[in-house]
Protein backbone atom coordinates (compact mmCIF):
# COMPACT_ATOMS: atom_id res chain seq x y z
CA UNK A 1 -69.87 -12.08 135.20
CA UNK A 2 -66.22 -13.10 134.90
CA UNK A 3 -65.74 -10.61 132.18
CA UNK A 4 -67.04 -7.82 134.26
CA UNK A 5 -64.54 -8.76 137.06
CA UNK A 6 -61.71 -8.50 134.41
CA UNK A 7 -62.93 -5.15 133.39
CA UNK A 8 -63.09 -3.75 136.96
CA UNK A 9 -59.67 -5.18 137.66
CA UNK A 10 -58.41 -3.35 134.68
CA UNK A 11 -59.79 -0.10 135.79
CA UNK A 12 -58.36 -0.63 139.27
CA UNK A 13 -54.94 -1.27 137.79
CA UNK A 14 -55.06 1.80 135.76
CA UNK A 15 -55.91 3.78 138.84
CA UNK A 16 -53.16 2.24 140.94
CA UNK A 17 -50.68 2.85 137.96
CA UNK A 18 -51.58 6.56 137.65
CA UNK A 19 -51.44 7.22 141.58
CA UNK A 20 -48.31 5.10 141.88
CA UNK A 21 -46.38 6.96 139.02
CA UNK A 22 -47.56 10.35 140.23
CA UNK A 23 -46.11 9.65 143.73
CA UNK A 24 -42.83 8.11 142.61
CA UNK A 25 -42.18 11.00 140.07
CA UNK A 26 -43.05 13.66 142.51
CA UNK A 27 -46.02 15.28 140.75
CA UNK A 28 -46.81 18.57 142.59
CA UNK A 29 -50.05 17.42 143.83
CA UNK A 30 -48.77 14.53 145.61
CA UNK A 31 -45.84 16.42 147.00
CA UNK A 32 -48.12 19.11 148.45
CA UNK A 33 -50.56 16.56 149.79
CA UNK A 34 -47.78 14.86 151.77
CA UNK A 35 -46.44 18.23 152.90
CA UNK A 36 -49.90 19.22 154.02
CA UNK A 37 -50.40 15.93 155.95
CA UNK A 38 -46.88 16.36 157.57
CA UNK A 39 -45.52 13.10 156.15
CA UNK A 40 -41.95 12.76 154.92
CA UNK A 41 -41.40 12.66 151.18
CA UNK A 42 -39.71 9.25 151.29
CA UNK A 43 -42.89 7.76 152.40
CA UNK A 44 -44.56 9.26 149.26
CA UNK A 45 -42.01 7.33 147.36
CA UNK A 46 -42.51 4.06 149.18
CA UNK A 47 -46.32 4.61 148.89
CA UNK A 48 -45.93 4.99 145.09
CA UNK A 49 -43.89 1.85 144.88
CA UNK A 50 -46.41 -0.16 146.96
CA UNK A 51 -49.15 1.02 144.47
CA UNK A 52 -47.17 0.10 141.50
CA UNK A 53 -46.70 -3.40 142.95
CA UNK A 54 -50.34 -3.60 143.87
CA UNK A 55 -51.17 -2.81 140.28
CA UNK A 56 -48.69 -5.51 139.05
CA UNK A 57 -50.32 -7.91 141.46
CA UNK A 58 -53.87 -7.51 140.37
CA UNK A 59 -53.36 -7.04 136.75
CA UNK A 60 -55.75 -9.59 134.90
CA UNK A 61 -52.92 -10.60 132.58
CA UNK A 62 -51.16 -12.36 135.48
CA UNK A 63 -54.19 -14.79 135.43
CA UNK A 64 -54.68 -14.90 131.58
CA UNK A 65 -55.50 -18.62 131.72
CA UNK A 66 -59.15 -17.68 132.92
CA UNK A 67 -60.27 -15.46 130.22
CA UNK A 68 -58.58 -17.68 127.34
CA UNK A 69 -60.52 -20.72 128.78
CA UNK A 70 -63.78 -18.60 128.71
CA UNK A 71 -63.19 -17.75 125.07
CA UNK A 72 -62.37 -21.35 124.15
CA UNK A 73 -65.62 -22.67 125.93
CA UNK A 74 -67.82 -20.06 124.32
CA UNK A 75 -66.34 -20.62 120.74
CA UNK A 76 -66.48 -24.45 121.10
CA UNK A 77 -70.18 -24.40 122.11
């Protein structure tokens, strides 16, 4: 079950990275969406930075001790 958790976290990190980079770099889709919603473009950049920070925070490598311990326990058994 823990391996599934790490896989889902990895997928979530990838989604946050793509969305964050898209907003920070100003991909046309995000620029148009923020214009359509009437939001300023600086808010798009801030939102992208927050998404990138969130991706860095939930990345499974930040907690690599868990998967390594699981693999060590399984190989020892």
